[in-house]
Amino acid sequence: MITQIGLTNPQNHEVAIFDARPYLSALANRCLGGGFEDQRYYDNCYLTFLGIDNIHAVRSSHNALRDISNDSDVLNVLTEYGPKVYYTGHMQMVGIILEGVNLIMDTILVKK
């Protein structure tokens, strides 16, 4: 099926597969009986891990950021606000997600 999908694009027969997880998470999942696509089985594809933590980590960082925005004591002291936002991990998480979006868009628009 992957080969046939690749043939639908006359500009590039290579198929990009993106796995949102970090590689080590996917590997751990494989040890538990799950897994991820194995490129050895396909002639025309490649697999890229995007390194995005699971939904629970994303939700946790979002909730931590929301809690800071609800704390007027932190909002009134600029020297506390920046470090507290940093330690939520939310901005780093958003950065990783946007890097993945950029990679996918580059694949679609440039690599066709």
PDB file of N, CA and C in Angstrom:
ATOM      1  N   MET A   1       0.817  -1.178   0.000  1.00  0.00           N
ATOM      2  CA  MET A   1       0.000   0.000   0.000  1.00  0.00           C
ATOM      3  C   MET A   1       0.880   1.269   0.000  1.00  0.00           C
ATOM      4  N   ILE A   2       1.977   1.250   0.756  1.00  0.00           N
ATOM      5  CA  ILE A   2       2.877   2.404   0.782  1.00  0.00           C
ATOM      6  C   ILE A   2       3.453   2.657  -0.608  1.00  0.00           C
ATOM      7  N   THR A   3       3.812   1.614  -1.310  1.00  0.00           N
ATOM      8  CA  THR A   3       4.332   1.766  -2.669  1.00  0.00           C
ATOM      9  C   THR A   3       3.292   2.415  -3.565  1.00  0.00           C
ATOM     10  N   GLN A   4       2.047   1.981  -3.467  1.00  0.00           N
ATOM     11  CA  GLN A   4       0.971   2.539  -4.286  1.00  0.00           C
ATOM     12  C   GLN A   4       0.708   4.009  -3.937  1.00  0.00           C
ATOM     13  N   ILE A   5       0.782   4.333  -2.655  1.00  0.00           N
ATOM     14  CA  ILE A   5       0.611   5.731  -2.245  1.00  0.00           C
ATOM     15  C   ILE A   5       1.707   6.583  -2.885  1.00  0.00           C
ATOM     16  N   GLY A   6       2.940   6.093  -2.865  1.00  0.00           N
ATOM     17  CA  GLY A   6       4.049   6.812  -3.475  1.00  0.00           C
ATOM     18  C   GLY A   6       3.857   7.026  -4.961  1.00  0.00           C
ATOM     19  N   LEU A   7       3.249   6.091  -5.627  1.00  0.00           N
ATOM     20  CA  LEU A   7       3.043   6.213  -7.078  1.00  0.00           C
ATOM     21  C   LEU A   7       1.986   7.248  -7.445  1.00  0.00           C
ATOM     22  N   THR A   8       1.182   7.672  -6.488  1.00  0.00           N
ATOM     23  CA  THR A   8       0.162   8.674  -6.789  1.00  0.00           C
ATOM     24  C   THR A   8       0.747  10.068  -6.978  1.00  0.00           C
ATOM     25  N   ASN A   9       1.985  10.264  -6.565  1.00  0.00           N
ATOM     26  CA  ASN A   9       2.628  11.568  -6.715  1.00  0.00           C
ATOM     27  C   ASN A   9       3.637  11.496  -7.854  1.00  0.00           C
ATOM     28  N   PRO A  10       3.360  12.111  -8.995  1.00  0.00           N
ATOM     29  CA  PRO A  10       4.276  12.022 -10.132  1.00  0.00           C
ATOM     30  C   PRO A  10       5.600  12.763  -9.912  1.00  0.00           C
ATOM     31  N   GLN A  11       5.647  13.674  -8.938  1.00  0.00           N
ATOM     32  CA  GLN A  11       6.867  14.447  -8.708  1.00  0.00           C
ATOM     33  C   GLN A  11       7.858  13.736  -7.789  1.00  0.00           C
ATOM     34  N   ASN A  12       7.360  12.915  -6.890  1.00  0.00           N
ATOM     35  CA  ASN A  12       8.226  12.246  -5.927  1.00  0.00           C
ATOM     36  C   ASN A  12       7.517  10.999  -5.417  1.00  0.00           C
ATOM     37  N   HIS A  13       8.109   9.841  -5.665  1.00  0.00           N
ATOM     38  CA  HIS A  13       7.470   8.579  -5.256  1.00  0.00           C
ATOM     39  C   HIS A  13       7.791   8.195  -3.815  1.00  0.00           C
ATOM     40  N   GLU A  14       8.620   8.997  -3.144  1.00  0.00           N
ATOM     41  CA  GLU A  14       8.988   8.703  -1.770  1.00  0.00           C
ATOM     42  C   GLU A  14       7.863   9.135  -0.824  1.00  0.00           C
ATOM     43  N   VAL A  15       7.568   8.308   0.156  1.00  0.00           N
ATOM     44  CA  VAL A  15       6.506   8.595   1.116  1.00  0.00           C
ATOM     45  C   VAL A  15       7.148   8.931   2.460  1.00  0.00           C
ATOM     46  N   ALA A  16       6.757  10.058   3.009  1.00  0.00           N
ATOM     47  CA  ALA A  16       7.246  10.478   4.320  1.00  0.00           C
ATOM     48  C   ALA A  16       6.266  10.006   5.381  1.00  0.00           C
ATOM     49  N   ILE A  17       6.783   9.348   6.400  1.00  0.00           N
ATOM     50  CA  ILE A  17       5.972   8.934   7.539  1.00  0.00           C
ATOM     51  C   ILE A  17       6.494   9.707   8.745  1.00  0.00           C
ATOM     52  N   PHE A  18       5.607  10.422   9.423  1.00  0.00           N
ATOM     53  CA  PHE A  18       5.989  11.190  10.598  1.00  0.00           C
ATOM     54  C   PHE A  18       5.358  10.564  11.829  1.00  0.00           C
ATOM     55  N   ASP A  19       6.184  10.315  12.813  1.00  0.00           N
ATOM     56  CA  ASP A  19       5.724   9.810  14.099  1.00  0.00           C
ATOM     57  C   ASP A  19       5.937  10.946  15.093  1.00  0.00           C
ATOM     58  N   ALA A  20       4.882  11.411  15.723  1.00  0.00           N
ATOM     59  CA  ALA A  20       4.977  12.575  16.599  1.00  0.00           C
ATOM     60  C   ALA A  20       5.828  12.313  17.839  1.00  0.00           C
ATOM     61  N   ARG A  21       5.955  11.074  18.240  1.00  0.00           N
ATOM     62  CA  ARG A  21       6.656  10.744  19.483  1.00  0.00           C
ATOM     63  C   ARG A  21       8.164  10.936  19.384  1.00  0.00           C
ATOM     64  N   PRO A  22       8.819  11.037  20.547  1.00  0.00           N
ATOM     65  CA  PRO A  22      10.278  10.928  20.546  1.00  0.00           C
ATOM     66  C   PRO A  22      10.662   9.481  20.198  1.00  0.00           C
ATOM     67  N   TYR A  23      11.806   9.293  19.598  1.00  0.00           N
ATOM     68  CA  TYR A  23      12.245   7.961  19.188  1.00  0.00           C
ATOM     69  C   TYR A  23      12.303   7.000  20.387  1.00  0.00           C
ATOM     70  N   LEU A  24      12.833   7.460  21.509  1.00  0.00           N
ATOM     71  CA  LEU A  24      12.960   6.565  22.671  1.00  0.00           C
ATOM     72  C   LEU A  24      11.601   6.121  23.194  1.00  0.00           C
ATOM     73  N   SER A  25      10.599   6.969  23.119  1.00  0.00           N
ATOM     74  CA  SER A  25       9.245   6.577  23.523  1.00  0.00           C
ATOM     75  C   SER A  25       8.703   5.494  22.599  1.00  0.00           C
ATOM     76  N   ALA A  26       8.937   5.649  21.312  1.00  0.00           N
ATOM     77  CA  ALA A  26       8.474   4.645  20.347  1.00  0.00           C
ATOM     78  C   ALA A  26       9.199   3.321  20.578  1.00  0.00           C
ATOM     79  N   LEU A  27      10.487   3.401  20.879  1.00  0.00           N
ATOM     80  CA  LEU A  27      11.270   2.195  21.141  1.00  0.00           C
ATOM     81  C   LEU A  27      10.772   1.489  22.397  1.00  0.00           C
ATOM     82  N   ALA A  28      10.478   2.262  23.442  1.00  0.00           N
ATOM     83  CA  ALA A  28       9.929   1.678  24.669  1.00  0.00           C
ATOM     84  C   ALA A  28       8.578   1.033  24.382  1.00  0.00           C
ATOM     85  N   ASN A  29       7.766   1.665  23.557  1.00  0.00           N
ATOM     86  CA  ASN A  29       6.471   1.113  23.188  1.00  0.00           C
ATOM     87  C   ASN A  29       6.641  -0.205  22.440  1.00  0.00           C
ATOM     88  N   ARG A  30       7.673  -0.294  21.627  1.00  0.00           N
ATOM     89  CA  ARG A  30       7.951  -1.537  20.889  1.00  0.00           C
ATOM     90  C   ARG A  30       8.259  -2.668  21.871  1.00  0.00           C
ATOM     91  N   CYS A  31       8.993  -2.350  22.928  1.00  0.00           N
ATOM     92  CA  CYS A  31       9.322  -3.367  23.941  1.00  0.00           C
ATOM     93  C   CYS A  31       8.079  -3.871  24.665  1.00  0.00           C
ATOM     94  N   LEU A  32       7.038  -3.046  24.694  1.00  0.00           N
ATOM     95  CA  LEU A  32       5.786  -3.427  25.342  1.00  0.00           C
ATOM     96  C   LEU A  32       4.794  -4.075  24.385  1.00  0.00           C
ATOM     97  N   GLY A  33       5.249  -4.359  23.161  1.00  0.00           N
ATOM     98  CA  GLY A  33       4.393  -5.030  22.197  1.00  0.00           C
ATOM     99  C   GLY A  33       3.804  -4.115  21.144  1.00  0.00           C
ATOM    100  N   GLY A  34       4.015  -2.827  21.278  1.00  0.00           N
ATOM    101  CA  GLY A  34       3.542  -1.874  20.276  1.00  0.00           C
ATOM    102  C   GLY A  34       4.607  -1.713  19.209  1.00  0.00           C
ATOM    103  N   GLY A  35       4.721  -0.553  18.668  1.00  0.00           N
ATOM    104  CA  GLY A  35       5.788  -0.360  17.702  1.00  0.00           C
ATOM    105  C   GLY A  35       5.609   0.842  16.837  1.00  0.00           C
ATOM    106  N   PHE A  36       6.345   0.826  15.739  1.00  0.00           N
ATOM    107  CA  PHE A  36       6.286   1.889  14.747  1.00  0.00           C
ATOM    108  C   PHE A  36       6.696   1.300  13.414  1.00  0.00           C
ATOM    109  N   GLU A  37       6.486   2.056  12.360  1.00  0.00           N
ATOM    110  CA  GLU A  37       6.778   1.567  11.014  1.00  0.00           C
ATOM    111  C   GLU A  37       8.258   1.230  10.871  1.00  0.00           C
ATOM    112  N   ASP A  38       8.534   0.122  10.224  1.00  0.00           N
ATOM    113  CA  ASP A  38       9.907  -0.313   9.974  1.00  0.00           C
ATOM    114  C   ASP A  38      10.232  -0.048   8.511  1.00  0.00           C
ATOM    115  N   GLN A  39      11.146   0.881   8.278  1.00  0.00           N
ATOM    116  CA  GLN A  39      11.481   1.305   6.912  1.00  0.00           C
ATOM    117  C   GLN A  39      12.051   0.169   6.063  1.00  0.00           C
ATOM    118  N   ARG A  40      12.558  -0.856   6.691  1.00  0.00           N
ATOM    119  CA  ARG A  40      13.138  -1.964   5.928  1.00  0.00           C
ATOM    120  C   ARG A  40      12.103  -2.692   5.077  1.00  0.00           C
ATOM    121  N   TYR A  41      10.826  -2.555   5.436  1.00  0.00           N
ATOM    122  CA  TYR A  41       9.772  -3.243   4.700  1.00  0.00           C
ATOM    123  C   TYR A  41       9.280  -2.468   3.481  1.00  0.00           C
ATOM    124  N   TYR A  42       9.733  -1.219   3.330  1.00  0.00           N
ATOM    125  CA  TYR A  42       9.253  -0.373   2.248  1.00  0.00           C
ATOM    126  C   TYR A  42      10.430   0.179   1.454  1.00  0.00           C
ATOM    127  N   ASP A  43      10.309   0.155   0.138  1.00  0.00           N
ATOM    128  CA  ASP A  43      11.378   0.676  -0.712  1.00  0.00           C
ATOM    129  C   ASP A  43      11.325   2.187  -0.857  1.00  0.00           C
ATOM    130  N   ASN A  44      10.175   2.767  -0.655  1.00  0.00           N
ATOM    131  CA  ASN A  44       9.973   4.158  -1.035  1.00  0.00           C
ATOM    132  C   ASN A  44       9.513   5.054   0.110  1.00  0.00           C
ATOM    133  N   CYS A  45       9.988   4.805   1.342  1.00  0.00           N
ATOM    134  CA  CYS A  45       9.538   5.659   2.424  1.00  0.00           C
ATOM    135  C   CYS A  45      10.663   5.940   3.407  1.00  0.00           C
ATOM    136  N   TYR A  46      10.439   6.959   4.195  1.00  0.00           N
ATOM    137  CA  TYR A  46      11.342   7.227   5.306  1.00  0.00           C
ATOM    138  C   TYR A  46      10.514   7.673   6.501  1.00  0.00           C
ATOM    139  N   LEU A  47      11.036   7.417   7.673  1.00  0.00           N
ATOM    140  CA  LEU A  47      10.339   7.676   8.923  1.00  0.00           C
ATOM    141  C   LEU A  47      11.082   8.754   9.697  1.00  0.00           C
ATOM    142  N   THR A  48      10.333   9.731  10.187  1.00  0.00           N
ATOM    143  CA  THR A  48      10.915  10.804  10.985  1.00  0.00           C
ATOM    144  C   THR A  48      10.149  10.915  12.292  1.00  0.00           C
ATOM    145  N   PHE A  49      10.884  10.904  13.391  1.00  0.00           N
ATOM    146  CA  PHE A  49      10.276  11.121  14.709  1.00  0.00           C
ATOM    147  C   PHE A  49      10.344  12.602  15.027  1.00  0.00           C
ATOM    148  N   LEU A  50       9.231  13.161  15.489  1.00  0.00           N
ATOM    149  CA  LEU A  50       9.157  14.598  15.723  1.00  0.00           C
ATOM    150  C   LEU A  50       9.539  15.002  17.150  1.00  0.00           C
ATOM    151  N   GLY A  51       9.599  14.055  18.063  1.00  0.00           N
ATOM    152  CA  GLY A  51      10.082  14.350  19.416  1.00  0.00           C
ATOM    153  C   GLY A  51       9.093  15.062  20.321  1.00  0.00           C
ATOM    154  N   ILE A  52       7.807  14.953  20.013  1.00  0.00           N
ATOM    155  CA  ILE A  52       6.790  15.615  20.835  1.00  0.00           C
ATOM    156  C   ILE A  52       6.385  14.670  21.970  1.00  0.00           C
ATOM    157  N   ASP A  53       6.423  15.182  23.192  1.00  0.00           N
ATOM    158  CA  ASP A  53       6.025  14.361  24.334  1.00  0.00           C
ATOM    159  C   ASP A  53       4.557  13.974  24.230  1.00  0.00           C
ATOM    160  N   ASN A  54       4.158  13.020  25.049  1.00  0.00           N
ATOM    161  CA  ASN A  54       2.767  12.550  24.979  1.00  0.00           C
ATOM    162  C   ASN A  54       1.785  13.624  25.442  1.00  0.00           C
ATOM    163  N   ILE A  55       0.536  13.381  25.201  1.00  0.00           N
ATOM    164  CA  ILE A  55      -0.509  14.365  25.469  1.00  0.00           C
ATOM    165  C   ILE A  55      -0.574  14.736  26.943  1.00  0.00           C
ATOM    166  N   HIS A  56      -0.202  13.817  27.818  1.00  0.00           N
ATOM    167  CA  HIS A  56      -0.250  14.100  29.250  1.00  0.00           C
ATOM    168  C   HIS A  56       0.807  15.144  29.619  1.00  0.00           C
ATOM    169  N   ALA A  57       1.992  15.044  29.021  1.00  0.00           N
ATOM    170  CA  ALA A  57       3.049  16.034  29.273  1.00  0.00           C
ATOM    171  C   ALA A  57       2.666  17.385  28.680  1.00  0.00           C
ATOM    172  N   VAL A  58       2.069  17.376  27.502  1.00  0.00           N
ATOM    173  CA  VAL A  58       1.628  18.627  26.872  1.00  0.00           C
ATOM    174  C   VAL A  58       0.556  19.286  27.744  1.00  0.00           C
ATOM    175  N   ARG A  59      -0.396  18.509  28.199  1.00  0.00           N
ATOM    176  CA  ARG A  59      -1.464  19.041  29.047  1.00  0.00           C
ATOM    177  C   ARG A  59      -0.889  19.572  30.362  1.00  0.00           C
ATOM    178  N   SER A  60       0.038  18.858  30.939  1.00  0.00           N
ATOM    179  CA  SER A  60       0.640  19.278  32.203  1.00  0.00           C
ATOM    180  C   SER A  60       1.352  20.620  32.062  1.00  0.00           C
ATOM    181  N   SER A  61       2.114  20.792  30.984  1.00  0.00           N
ATOM    182  CA  SER A  61       2.819  22.065  30.793  1.00  0.00           C
ATOM    183  C   SER A  61       1.824  23.194  30.530  1.00  0.00           C
ATOM    184  N   HIS A  62       0.762  22.897  29.797  1.00  0.00           N
ATOM    185  CA  HIS A  62      -0.272  23.905  29.538  1.00  0.00           C
ATOM    186  C   HIS A  62      -0.967  24.311  30.841  1.00  0.00           C
ATOM    187  N   ASN A  63      -1.306  23.329  31.662  1.00  0.00           N
ATOM    188  CA  ASN A  63      -1.972  23.620  32.929  1.00  0.00           C
ATOM    189  C   ASN A  63      -1.067  24.428  33.859  1.00  0.00           C
ATOM    190  N   ALA A  64       0.223  24.109  33.864  1.00  0.00           N
ATOM    191  CA  ALA A  64       1.160  24.862  34.700  1.00  0.00           C
ATOM    192  C   ALA A  64       1.235  26.319  34.248  1.00  0.00           C
ATOM    193  N   LEU A  65       1.230  26.535  32.946  1.00  0.00           N
ATOM    194  CA  LEU A  65       1.243  27.906  32.426  1.00  0.00           C
ATOM    195  C   LEU A  65      -0.055  28.630  32.792  1.00  0.00           C
ATOM    196  N   ARG A  66      -1.178  27.942  32.691  1.00  0.00           N
ATOM    197  CA  ARG A  66      -2.470  28.534  33.051  1.00  0.00           C
ATOM    198  C   ARG A  66      -2.502  28.910  34.530  1.00  0.00           C
ATOM    199  N   ASP A  67      -1.935  28.052  35.368  1.00  0.00           N
ATOM    200  CA  ASP A  67      -1.908  28.341  36.801  1.00  0.00           C
ATOM    201  C   ASP A  67      -1.103  29.607  37.097  1.00  0.00           C
ATOM    202  N   ILE A  68      -0.008  29.798  36.377  1.00  0.00           N
ATOM    203  CA  ILE A  68       0.794  31.008  36.566  1.00  0.00           C
ATOM    204  C   ILE A  68      -0.015  32.232  36.170  1.00  0.00           C
ATOM    205  N   SER A  69      -0.746  32.137  35.081  1.00  0.00           N
ATOM    206  CA  SER A  69      -1.512  33.300  34.615  1.00  0.00           C
ATOM    207  C   SER A  69      -2.661  33.642  35.553  1.00  0.00           C
ATOM    208  N   ASN A  70      -3.050  32.708  36.394  1.00  0.00           N
ATOM    209  CA  ASN A  70      -4.115  32.963  37.370  1.00  0.00           C
ATOM    210  C   ASN A  70      -3.584  33.462  38.711  1.00  0.00           C
ATOM    211  N   ASP A  71      -2.255  33.500  38.872  1.00  0.00           N
ATOM    212  CA  ASP A  71      -1.631  33.908  40.128  1.00  0.00           C
ATOM    213  C   ASP A  71      -1.195  35.370  40.024  1.00  0.00           C
ATOM    214  N   SER A  72      -1.979  36.268  40.603  1.00  0.00           N
ATOM    215  CA  SER A  72      -1.681  37.703  40.478  1.00  0.00           C
ATOM    216  C   SER A  72      -0.372  38.076  41.158  1.00  0.00           C
ATOM    217  N   ASP A  73       0.028  37.338  42.191  1.00  0.00           N
ATOM    218  CA  ASP A  73       1.304  37.634  42.851  1.00  0.00           C
ATOM    219  C   ASP A  73       2.472  37.443  41.897  1.00  0.00           C
ATOM    220  N   VAL A  74       2.428  36.406  41.092  1.00  0.00           N
ATOM    221  CA  VAL A  74       3.505  36.140  40.131  1.00  0.00           C
ATOM    222  C   VAL A  74       3.458  37.158  38.996  1.00  0.00           C
ATOM    223  N   LEU A  75       2.282  37.497  38.530  1.00  0.00           N
ATOM    224  CA  LEU A  75       2.156  38.438  37.415  1.00  0.00           C
ATOM    225  C   LEU A  75       2.655  39.833  37.779  1.00  0.00           C
ATOM    226  N   ASN A  76       2.617  40.190  39.042  1.00  0.00           N
ATOM    227  CA  ASN A  76       3.049  41.521  39.470  1.00  0.00           C
ATOM    228  C   ASN A  76       4.558  41.624  39.685  1.00  0.00           C
ATOM    229  N   VAL A  77       5.264  40.509  39.672  1.00  0.00           N
ATOM    230  CA  VAL A  77       6.717  40.533  39.900  1.00  0.00           C
ATOM    231  C   VAL A  77       7.396  39.940  38.677  1.00  0.00           C
ATOM    232  N   LEU A  78       7.935  40.817  37.846  1.00  0.00           N
ATOM    233  CA  LEU A  78       8.515  40.401  36.572  1.00  0.00           C
ATOM    234  C   LEU A  78       9.657  39.405  36.752  1.00  0.00           C
ATOM    235  N   THR A  79      10.443  39.549  37.806  1.00  0.00           N
ATOM    236  CA  THR A  79      11.580  38.639  38.014  1.00  0.00           C
ATOM    237  C   THR A  79      11.129  37.230  38.362  1.00  0.00           C
ATOM    238  N   GLU A  80       9.908  37.073  38.817  1.00  0.00           N
ATOM    239  CA  GLU A  80       9.370  35.739  39.106  1.00  0.00           C
ATOM    240  C   GLU A  80       8.661  35.138  37.899  1.00  0.00           C
ATOM    241  N   TYR A  81       8.016  35.997  37.129  1.00  0.00           N
ATOM    242  CA  TYR A  81       7.183  35.527  36.016  1.00  0.00           C
ATOM    243  C   TYR A  81       7.979  34.752  34.967  1.00  0.00           C
ATOM    244  N   GLY A  82       9.070  35.328  34.475  1.00  0.00           N
ATOM    245  CA  GLY A  82       9.865  34.688  33.427  1.00  0.00           C
ATOM    246  C   GLY A  82      10.352  33.298  33.801  1.00  0.00           C
ATOM    247  N   PRO A  83      11.043  33.160  34.944  1.00  0.00           N
ATOM    248  CA  PRO A  83      11.512  31.822  35.331  1.00  0.00           C
ATOM    249  C   PRO A  83      10.384  30.814  35.545  1.00  0.00           C
ATOM    250  N   LYS A  84       9.275  31.286  36.107  1.00  0.00           N
ATOM    251  CA  LYS A  84       8.157  30.348  36.337  1.00  0.00           C
ATOM    252  C   LYS A  84       7.577  29.867  35.003  1.00  0.00           C
ATOM    253  N   VAL A  85       7.450  30.763  34.041  1.00  0.00           N
ATOM    254  CA  VAL A  85       6.975  30.361  32.711  1.00  0.00           C
ATOM    255  C   VAL A  85       7.958  29.377  32.098  1.00  0.00           C
ATOM    256  N   TYR A  86       9.246  29.665  32.208  1.00  0.00           N
ATOM    257  CA  TYR A  86      10.277  28.784  31.645  1.00  0.00           C
ATOM    258  C   TYR A  86      10.164  27.378  32.232  1.00  0.00           C
ATOM    259  N   TYR A  87      10.009  27.272  33.544  1.00  0.00           N
ATOM    260  CA  TYR A  87      10.002  25.961  34.186  1.00  0.00           C
ATOM    261  C   TYR A  87       8.721  25.162  33.954  1.00  0.00           C
ATOM    262  N   THR A  88       7.696  25.782  33.384  1.00  0.00           N
ATOM    263  CA  THR A  88       6.514  24.986  33.014  1.00  0.00           C
ATOM    264  C   THR A  88       6.847  24.070  31.835  1.00  0.00           C
ATOM    265  N   GLY A  89       7.849  24.461  31.044  1.00  0.00           N
ATOM    266  CA  GLY A  89       8.201  23.680  29.861  1.00  0.00           C
ATOM    267  C   GLY A  89       7.283  23.927  28.674  1.00  0.00           C
ATOM    268  N   HIS A  90       6.291  24.792  28.866  1.00  0.00           N
ATOM    269  CA  HIS A  90       5.286  24.994  27.817  1.00  0.00           C
ATOM    270  C   HIS A  90       5.877  25.631  26.562  1.00  0.00           C
ATOM    271  N   MET A  91       6.701  26.618  26.733  1.00  0.00           N
ATOM    272  CA  MET A  91       7.267  27.292  25.556  1.00  0.00           C
ATOM    273  C   MET A  91       8.178  26.342  24.779  1.00  0.00           C
ATOM    274  N   GLN A  92       8.928  25.519  25.492  1.00  0.00           N
ATOM    275  CA  GLN A  92       9.778  24.535  24.827  1.00  0.00           C
ATOM    276  C   GLN A  92       8.912  23.517  24.078  1.00  0.00           C
ATOM    277  N   MET A  93       7.796  23.121  24.706  1.00  0.00           N
ATOM    278  CA  MET A  93       6.887  22.166  24.077  1.00  0.00           C
ATOM    279  C   MET A  93       6.297  22.761  22.793  1.00  0.00           C
ATOM    280  N   VAL A  94       5.876  24.000  22.859  1.00  0.00           N
ATOM    281  CA  VAL A  94       5.320  24.661  21.676  1.00  0.00           C
ATOM    282  C   VAL A  94       6.390  24.760  20.590  1.00  0.00           C
ATOM    283  N   GLY A  95       7.630  25.049  20.986  1.00  0.00           N
ATOM    284  CA  GLY A  95       8.726  25.126  20.016  1.00  0.00           C
ATOM    285  C   GLY A  95       8.952  23.803  19.300  1.00  0.00           C
ATOM    286  N   ILE A  96       8.911  22.700  20.041  1.00  0.00           N
ATOM    287  CA  ILE A  96       9.102  21.372  19.437  1.00  0.00           C
ATOM    288  C   ILE A  96       7.954  21.057  18.483  1.00  0.00           C
ATOM    289  N   ILE A  97       6.740  21.390  18.883  1.00  0.00           N
ATOM    290  CA  ILE A  97       5.580  21.150  18.017  1.00  0.00           C
ATOM    291  C   ILE A  97       5.706  21.960  16.731  1.00  0.00           C
ATOM    292  N   LEU A  98       6.090  23.226  16.848  1.00  0.00           N
ATOM    293  CA  LEU A  98       6.232  24.071  15.662  1.00  0.00           C
ATOM    294  C   LEU A  98       7.377  23.597  14.763  1.00  0.00           C
ATOM    295  N   GLU A  99       8.446  23.066  15.341  1.00  0.00           N
ATOM    296  CA  GLU A  99       9.515  22.486  14.524  1.00  0.00           C
ATOM    297  C   GLU A  99       8.971  21.319  13.705  1.00  0.00           C
ATOM    298  N   GLY A 100       8.123  20.484  14.327  1.00  0.00           N
ATOM    299  CA  GLY A 100       7.506  19.375  13.611  1.00  0.00           C
ATOM    300  C   GLY A 100       6.606  19.850  12.495  1.00  0.00           C
ATOM    301  N   VAL A 101       5.811  20.873  12.773  1.00  0.00           N
ATOM    302  CA  VAL A 101       4.938  21.455  11.742  1.00  0.00           C
ATOM    303  C   VAL A 101       5.778  21.967  10.581  1.00  0.00           C
ATOM    304  N   ASN A 102       6.871  22.658  10.909  1.00  0.00           N
ATOM    305  CA  ASN A 102       7.746  23.203   9.872  1.00  0.00           C
ATOM    306  C   ASN A 102       8.350  22.082   9.012  1.00  0.00           C
ATOM    307  N   LEU A 103       8.762  20.998   9.644  1.00  0.00           N
ATOM    308  CA  LEU A 103       9.336  19.871   8.910  1.00  0.00           C
ATOM    309  C   LEU A 103       8.297  19.229   7.985  1.00  0.00           C
ATOM    310  N   ILE A 104       7.081  19.074   8.472  1.00  0.00           N
ATOM    311  CA  ILE A 104       6.023  18.492   7.650  1.00  0.00           C
ATOM    312  C   ILE A 104       5.692  19.407   6.477  1.00  0.00           C
ATOM    313  N   MET A 105       5.573  20.694   6.745  1.00  0.00           N
ATOM    314  CA  MET A 105       5.263  21.645   5.666  1.00  0.00           C
ATOM    315  C   MET A 105       6.392  21.701   4.637  1.00  0.00           C
ATOM    316  N   ASP A 106       7.628  21.652   5.094  1.00  0.00           N
ATOM    317  CA  ASP A 106       8.764  21.620   4.176  1.00  0.00           C
ATOM    318  C   ASP A 106       8.704  20.380   3.290  1.00  0.00           C
ATOM    319  N   THR A 107       8.343  19.261   3.885  1.00  0.00           N
ATOM    320  CA  THR A 107       8.229  18.012   3.127  1.00  0.00           C
ATOM    321  C   THR A 107       7.142  18.122   2.064  1.00  0.00           C
ATOM    322  N   ILE A 108       6.018  18.697   2.433  1.00  0.00           N
ATOM    323  CA  ILE A 108       4.906  18.836   1.485  1.00  0.00           C
ATOM    324  C   ILE A 108       5.236  19.828   0.375  1.00  0.00           C
ATOM    325  N   LEU A 109       5.717  21.008   0.766  1.00  0.00           N
ATOM    326  CA  LEU A 109       5.888  22.089  -0.206  1.00  0.00           C
ATOM    327  C   LEU A 109       7.171  22.011  -1.022  1.00  0.00           C
ATOM    328  N   VAL A 110       8.261  21.591  -0.404  1.00  0.00           N
ATOM    329  CA  VAL A 110       9.555  21.577  -1.092  1.00  0.00           C
ATOM    330  C   VAL A 110       9.873  20.224  -1.702  1.00  0.00           C
ATOM    331  N   LYS A 111       9.706  19.172  -0.889  1.00  0.00           N
ATOM    332  CA  LYS A 111      10.042  17.831  -1.377  1.00  0.00           C
ATOM    333  C   LYS A 111       8.912  17.197  -2.179  1.00  0.00           C
ATOM    334  N   LYS A 112       7.766  17.825  -2.143  1.00  0.00           N
ATOM    335  CA  LYS A 112       6.578  17.383  -2.875  1.00  0.00           C
ATOM    336  C   LYS A 112       6.115  16.020  -2.424  1.00  0.00           C
TER     337      LYS A 112
END
